[in-house]
Amino acid sequence: MNPTTKLTAQAQVSVPAAVRRQLGLGVGSVLSWEADDDRVIVRRVGQHSSVAIHNKIFPKPPKRKSADAIKAGVRAYMIKRHARG
């Protein structure tokens, strides 16, 4: 039996877990919808979700800095940027 889903009052649907796993869908995945007579064809548009791309670009979370360290960095940047000379 094929997985089924119900249309909500807000015209939303949930993608069944088995289908998400099979297609590799995650948060941020983009789907394309095509109407063909009495059928609807749903396709994954991209290979990568926005979360997957973010995790590839930023594999490690940034090191936490104190408020004083952030203020000192901003101060140094502003002095350098606006120095006359």
C-alpha atoms as a PDB file:
ATOM      1  CA  MET A   1       0.000   0.000   0.000  1.00  0.00           C
ATOM      2  CA  ASN A   2       1.288   3.453  -0.910  1.00  0.00           C
ATOM      3  CA  PRO A   3       1.711   6.032   1.839  1.00  0.00           C
ATOM      4  CA  THR A   4      -1.149   8.535   1.988  1.00  0.00           C
ATOM      5  CA  THR A   5      -1.534  11.995   3.435  1.00  0.00           C
ATOM      6  CA  LYS A   6      -4.451  14.357   4.068  1.00  0.00           C
ATOM      7  CA  LEU A   7      -4.789  17.963   2.898  1.00  0.00           C
ATOM      8  CA  THR A   8      -5.235  20.345   5.850  1.00  0.00           C
ATOM      9  CA  ALA A   9      -7.631  23.294   6.028  1.00  0.00           C
ATOM     10  CA  GLN A  10      -4.650  25.518   5.170  1.00  0.00           C
ATOM     11  CA  ALA A  11      -3.995  23.442   2.000  1.00  0.00           C
ATOM     12  CA  GLN A  12      -0.831  21.881   3.481  1.00  0.00           C
ATOM     13  CA  VAL A  13       0.365  18.291   3.225  1.00  0.00           C
ATOM     14  CA  SER A  14       2.945  16.268   5.123  1.00  0.00           C
ATOM     15  CA  VAL A  15       5.398  14.130   3.190  1.00  0.00           C
ATOM     16  CA  PRO A  16       5.345  10.611   4.630  1.00  0.00           C
ATOM     17  CA  ALA A  17       8.527   9.568   6.459  1.00  0.00           C
ATOM     18  CA  ALA A  18       9.218   6.672   4.075  1.00  0.00           C
ATOM     19  CA  VAL A  19       9.102   9.044   1.092  1.00  0.00           C
ATOM     20  CA  ARG A  20      11.314  11.623   2.866  1.00  0.00           C
ATOM     21  CA  ARG A  21      13.914   8.942   3.560  1.00  0.00           C
ATOM     22  CA  GLN A  22      13.781   7.535   0.027  1.00  0.00           C
ATOM     23  CA  LEU A  23      14.216  10.964  -1.569  1.00  0.00           C
ATOM     24  CA  GLY A  24      16.645  12.289   1.037  1.00  0.00           C
ATOM     25  CA  LEU A  25      14.353  15.169   1.956  1.00  0.00           C
ATOM     26  CA  GLY A  26      15.067  17.311   4.972  1.00  0.00           C
ATOM     27  CA  VAL A  27      14.287  20.746   6.344  1.00  0.00           C
ATOM     28  CA  GLY A  28      14.615  23.276   3.533  1.00  0.00           C
ATOM     29  CA  SER A  29      14.239  20.738   0.703  1.00  0.00           C
ATOM     30  CA  VAL A  30      12.447  22.189  -2.315  1.00  0.00           C
ATOM     31  CA  LEU A  31       9.741  20.212  -4.106  1.00  0.00           C
ATOM     32  CA  SER A  32       8.233  20.780  -7.554  1.00  0.00           C
ATOM     33  CA  TRP A  33       4.517  20.030  -8.149  1.00  0.00           C
ATOM     34  CA  GLU A  34       3.065  19.134 -11.551  1.00  0.00           C
ATOM     35  CA  ALA A  35      -0.614  18.461 -12.296  1.00  0.00           C
ATOM     36  CA  ASP A  36      -1.242  15.800 -14.966  1.00  0.00           C
ATOM     37  CA  ASP A  37      -4.983  15.166 -15.462  1.00  0.00           C
ATOM     38  CA  ASP A  38      -6.047  13.407 -12.239  1.00  0.00           C
ATOM     39  CA  ARG A  39      -2.460  12.842 -11.000  1.00  0.00           C
ATOM     40  CA  VAL A  40      -0.046  15.081  -9.133  1.00  0.00           C
ATOM     41  CA  ILE A  41       3.674  14.518  -9.646  1.00  0.00           C
ATOM     42  CA  VAL A  42       5.969  15.783  -6.893  1.00  0.00           C
ATOM     43  CA  ARG A  43       9.718  15.938  -7.510  1.00  0.00           C
ATOM     44  CA  ARG A  44      12.702  16.971  -5.460  1.00  0.00           C
ATOM     45  CA  VAL A  45      14.161  20.051  -7.149  1.00  0.00           C
ATOM     46  CA  GLY A  46      17.640  20.174  -5.657  1.00  0.00           C
ATOM     47  CA  GLN A  47      20.029  17.632  -4.257  1.00  0.00           C
ATOM     48  CA  HIS A  48      20.828  19.674  -1.192  1.00  0.00           C
ATOM     49  CA  SER A  49      18.713  21.387   1.429  1.00  0.00           C
ATOM     50  CA  SER A  50      19.654  24.785   2.845  1.00  0.00           C
ATOM     51  CA  VAL A  51      20.580  23.055   6.120  1.00  0.00           C
ATOM     52  CA  ALA A  52      22.954  20.663   4.325  1.00  0.00           C
ATOM     53  CA  ILE A  53      24.619  23.542   2.466  1.00  0.00           C
ATOM     54  CA  HIS A  54      25.009  25.554   5.680  1.00  0.00           C
ATOM     55  CA  ASN A  55      26.562  22.564   7.464  1.00  0.00           C
ATOM     56  CA  LYS A  56      29.070  22.077   4.605  1.00  0.00           C
ATOM     57  CA  ILE A  57      30.076  25.754   4.623  1.00  0.00           C
ATOM     58  CA  PHE A  58      30.211  25.976   8.425  1.00  0.00           C
ATOM     59  CA  PRO A  59      31.190  22.485   9.662  1.00  0.00           C
ATOM     60  CA  LYS A  60      32.076  23.709  13.166  1.00  0.00           C
ATOM     61  CA  PRO A  61      30.087  26.171  15.251  1.00  0.00           C
ATOM     62  CA  PRO A  62      31.929  29.461  15.832  1.00  0.00           C
ATOM     63  CA  LYS A  63      33.935  29.906  19.020  1.00  0.00           C
ATOM     64  CA  ARG A  64      32.021  31.907  21.580  1.00  0.00           C
ATOM     65  CA  LYS A  65      33.484  35.292  22.498  1.00  0.00           C
ATOM     66  CA  SER A  66      32.797  37.509  25.454  1.00  0.00           C
ATOM     67  CA  ALA A  67      31.018  40.828  25.027  1.00  0.00           C
ATOM     68  CA  ASP A  68      34.280  42.625  25.895  1.00  0.00           C
ATOM     69  CA  ALA A  69      36.148  40.744  23.151  1.00  0.00           C
ATOM     70  CA  ILE A  70      33.450  41.619  20.603  1.00  0.00           C
ATOM     71  CA  LYS A  71      33.497  45.295  21.629  1.00  0.00           C
ATOM     72  CA  ALA A  72      37.303  45.371  21.377  1.00  0.00           C
ATOM     73  CA  GLY A  73      37.146  43.853  17.882  1.00  0.00           C
ATOM     74  CA  VAL A  74      34.547  46.377  16.722  1.00  0.00           C
ATOM     75  CA  ARG A  75      36.570  49.215  18.247  1.00  0.00           C
ATOM     76  CA  ALA A  76      39.772  48.056  16.476  1.00  0.00           C
ATOM     77  CA  TYR A  77      37.931  47.704  13.168  1.00  0.00           C
ATOM     78  CA  MET A  78      36.399  51.190  13.425  1.00  0.00           C
ATOM     79  CA  ILE A  79      39.748  52.777  14.312  1.00  0.00           C
ATOM     80  CA  LYS A  80      41.427  51.049  11.372  1.00  0.00           C
ATOM     81  CA  ARG A  81      38.594  51.849   8.952  1.00  0.00           C
ATOM     82  CA  HIS A  82      38.308  55.518   9.894  1.00  0.00           C
ATOM     83  CA  ALA A  83      41.947  56.302  10.620  1.00  0.00           C
ATOM     84  CA  ARG A  84      43.239  59.410   8.948  1.00  0.00           C
ATOM     85  CA  GLY A  85      46.645  59.199   7.580  1.00  0.00           C
END
